[in-house]
């Protein structure tokens, strides 16, 4: 996959559609959520810099 920039994309809010959010992290991890509550939750925790998946705190949580 080339040419796609890391970031958060949200579609469907306010258009009588099912909201959808895509988050592409700088580490390459992709996450998609659907539904108002799930999209809001993702927008509150999504970060592009620094990567939350490769920080020492993230690896410590995974090991616990």
N, C-alpha and C. Protein backbone atom coordinates (compact mmCIF):
# COMPACT_ATOMS: atom_id res chain seq x y z
N UNK A 1 0.85 -1.16 0.00
CA UNK A 1 0.00 0.00 0.00
C UNK A 1 0.90 1.23 0.00
N UNK A 2 0.79 2.08 -0.99
CA UNK A 2 1.62 3.27 -1.07
C UNK A 2 0.74 4.49 -1.30
N UNK A 3 1.25 5.64 -0.89
CA UNK A 3 0.56 6.89 -1.13
C UNK A 3 -0.52 7.24 -0.12
N UNK A 4 -0.76 6.40 0.84
CA UNK A 4 -1.77 6.69 1.85
C UNK A 4 -1.07 7.26 3.08
N UNK A 5 -1.50 8.42 3.51
CA UNK A 5 -0.89 9.10 4.64
C UNK A 5 -1.55 8.69 5.95
N UNK A 6 -0.76 8.55 7.02
CA UNK A 6 -1.34 8.27 8.33
C UNK A 6 -2.30 9.38 8.75
N UNK A 7 -3.31 9.01 9.48
CA UNK A 7 -4.26 9.99 9.97
C UNK A 7 -5.61 9.36 10.27
N UNK A 8 -6.55 10.22 10.60
CA UNK A 8 -7.90 9.80 10.96
C UNK A 8 -8.88 10.39 9.96
N UNK A 9 -9.74 9.54 9.41
CA UNK A 9 -10.77 9.97 8.48
C UNK A 9 -12.13 9.57 9.03
N UNK A 10 -13.06 10.53 9.10
CA UNK A 10 -14.41 10.27 9.61
C UNK A 10 -15.39 10.65 8.52
N UNK A 11 -16.34 9.76 8.27
CA UNK A 11 -17.37 10.00 7.26
C UNK A 11 -18.75 9.68 7.84
N UNK A 12 -19.76 10.37 7.36
CA UNK A 12 -21.13 10.01 7.66
C UNK A 12 -21.80 10.75 8.80
N UNK A 13 -21.09 11.57 9.55
CA UNK A 13 -21.75 12.33 10.62
C UNK A 13 -22.60 13.43 10.01
N UNK A 14 -23.84 13.55 10.43
CA UNK A 14 -24.71 14.62 10.01
C UNK A 14 -25.34 14.43 8.64
N UNK A 15 -25.22 13.26 8.06
CA UNK A 15 -25.77 13.03 6.73
C UNK A 15 -26.78 11.88 6.74
N UNK A 16 -27.33 11.56 7.90
CA UNK A 16 -28.28 10.45 8.05
C UNK A 16 -27.69 9.15 7.52
N UNK A 17 -26.39 8.99 7.73
CA UNK A 17 -25.68 7.78 7.34
C UNK A 17 -25.04 7.17 8.58
N UNK A 18 -24.59 5.94 8.46
CA UNK A 18 -23.86 5.29 9.52
C UNK A 18 -22.45 5.89 9.56
N UNK A 19 -22.06 6.54 10.67
CA UNK A 19 -20.71 7.09 10.76
C UNK A 19 -19.65 5.99 10.70
N UNK A 20 -18.57 6.27 9.98
CA UNK A 20 -17.47 5.34 9.83
C UNK A 20 -16.18 6.13 10.01
N UNK A 21 -15.24 5.56 10.76
CA UNK A 21 -13.93 6.20 10.94
C UNK A 21 -12.84 5.20 10.61
N UNK A 22 -11.81 5.68 9.91
CA UNK A 22 -10.62 4.90 9.61
C UNK A 22 -9.43 5.62 10.22
N UNK A 23 -8.61 4.87 10.95
CA UNK A 23 -7.40 5.41 11.55
C UNK A 23 -6.22 4.60 11.04
N UNK A 24 -5.30 5.29 10.37
CA UNK A 24 -4.05 4.67 9.93
C UNK A 24 -2.94 5.31 10.73
N UNK A 25 -2.27 4.50 11.54
CA UNK A 25 -1.19 4.97 12.40
C UNK A 25 0.11 5.00 11.60
N UNK A 26 1.10 5.74 12.10
CA UNK A 26 2.40 5.80 11.43
C UNK A 26 3.10 4.45 11.43
N UNK A 27 2.75 3.56 12.34
CA UNK A 27 3.37 2.23 12.39
C UNK A 27 2.75 1.28 11.37
N UNK A 28 1.66 1.71 10.71
CA UNK A 28 1.00 0.89 9.70
C UNK A 28 -0.26 0.21 10.19
N UNK A 29 -0.56 0.31 11.47
CA UNK A 29 -1.78 -0.31 12.00
C UNK A 29 -3.00 0.45 11.50
N UNK A 30 -4.00 -0.29 11.05
CA UNK A 30 -5.25 0.29 10.55
C UNK A 30 -6.39 -0.18 11.43
N UNK A 31 -7.27 0.75 11.75
CA UNK A 31 -8.46 0.40 12.54
C UNK A 31 -9.66 1.11 11.94
N UNK A 32 -10.77 0.39 11.80
CA UNK A 32 -12.01 0.96 11.28
C UNK A 32 -13.11 0.72 12.29
N UNK A 33 -13.90 1.75 12.55
CA UNK A 33 -15.05 1.61 13.44
C UNK A 33 -16.29 2.11 12.72
N UNK A 34 -17.42 1.57 13.15
CA UNK A 34 -18.72 1.96 12.58
C UNK A 34 -19.68 2.25 13.73
N UNK A 35 -20.51 3.25 13.53
CA UNK A 35 -21.49 3.63 14.55
C UNK A 35 -21.02 4.85 15.32
N UNK A 36 -21.98 5.66 15.70
CA UNK A 36 -21.68 6.94 16.36
C UNK A 36 -20.81 6.78 17.60
N UNK A 37 -21.19 5.90 18.51
CA UNK A 37 -20.44 5.73 19.76
C UNK A 37 -19.01 5.26 19.50
N UNK A 38 -18.84 4.27 18.61
CA UNK A 38 -17.52 3.73 18.31
C UNK A 38 -16.63 4.77 17.62
N UNK A 39 -17.22 5.58 16.73
CA UNK A 39 -16.44 6.61 16.05
C UNK A 39 -15.99 7.68 17.04
N UNK A 40 -16.87 8.09 17.92
CA UNK A 40 -16.50 9.09 18.94
C UNK A 40 -15.38 8.56 19.82
N UNK A 41 -15.47 7.30 20.23
CA UNK A 41 -14.44 6.70 21.07
C UNK A 41 -13.10 6.66 20.33
N UNK A 42 -13.12 6.31 19.07
CA UNK A 42 -11.87 6.24 18.31
C UNK A 42 -11.26 7.63 18.14
N UNK A 43 -12.08 8.64 17.90
CA UNK A 43 -11.54 9.98 17.71
C UNK A 43 -10.90 10.52 18.98
N UNK A 44 -11.32 10.02 20.14
CA UNK A 44 -10.72 10.50 21.39
C UNK A 44 -9.38 9.84 21.69
N UNK A 45 -9.11 8.66 21.12
CA UNK A 45 -7.85 7.97 21.44
C UNK A 45 -6.88 7.87 20.27
N UNK A 46 -7.30 8.18 19.06
CA UNK A 46 -6.43 8.07 17.90
C UNK A 46 -5.34 9.13 17.94
N UNK A 47 -4.11 8.70 17.71
CA UNK A 47 -2.96 9.59 17.66
C UNK A 47 -2.11 9.20 16.45
N UNK A 48 -1.56 10.19 15.79
CA UNK A 48 -0.67 9.90 14.67
C UNK A 48 0.78 10.00 15.14
N UNK A 49 1.11 11.01 15.89
CA UNK A 49 2.47 11.19 16.43
C UNK A 49 2.35 11.46 17.91
N UNK A 50 3.05 10.83 18.78
CA UNK A 50 3.83 9.63 18.55
C UNK A 50 2.92 8.41 18.45
N UNK A 51 3.44 7.37 17.86
CA UNK A 51 2.67 6.15 17.68
C UNK A 51 2.34 5.53 19.05
N UNK A 52 1.06 5.32 19.37
CA UNK A 52 0.70 4.72 20.65
C UNK A 52 0.94 3.22 20.70
N UNK A 53 1.24 2.60 19.56
CA UNK A 53 1.42 1.15 19.52
C UNK A 53 2.86 0.73 19.76
N UNK A 54 3.82 1.64 19.63
CA UNK A 54 5.22 1.29 19.77
C UNK A 54 5.90 1.99 20.94
N UNK A 55 5.16 2.75 21.73
CA UNK A 55 5.74 3.43 22.89
C UNK A 55 5.99 2.42 23.99
N UNK A 56 6.93 2.69 24.89
CA UNK A 56 7.19 1.75 25.99
C UNK A 56 5.96 1.46 26.84
N UNK A 57 5.08 2.44 27.04
CA UNK A 57 3.87 2.21 27.83
C UNK A 57 2.95 1.21 27.15
N UNK A 58 2.84 1.30 25.82
CA UNK A 58 1.97 0.37 25.09
C UNK A 58 2.51 -1.05 25.16
N UNK A 59 3.82 -1.21 25.04
CA UNK A 59 4.38 -2.55 25.11
C UNK A 59 4.30 -3.11 26.52
N UNK A 60 4.35 -2.26 27.53
CA UNK A 60 4.19 -2.72 28.91
C UNK A 60 2.79 -3.21 29.19
N UNK A 61 1.80 -2.51 28.62
CA UNK A 61 0.41 -2.95 28.81
C UNK A 61 0.17 -4.28 28.12
N UNK A 62 0.77 -4.46 26.96
CA UNK A 62 0.56 -5.71 26.22
C UNK A 62 1.18 -6.89 26.96
N UNK A 63 2.29 -6.65 27.65
CA UNK A 63 2.98 -7.73 28.35
C UNK A 63 2.28 -8.09 29.67
N UNK A 64 1.54 -7.14 30.21
CA UNK A 64 0.89 -7.36 31.51
C UNK A 64 -0.28 -8.30 31.43
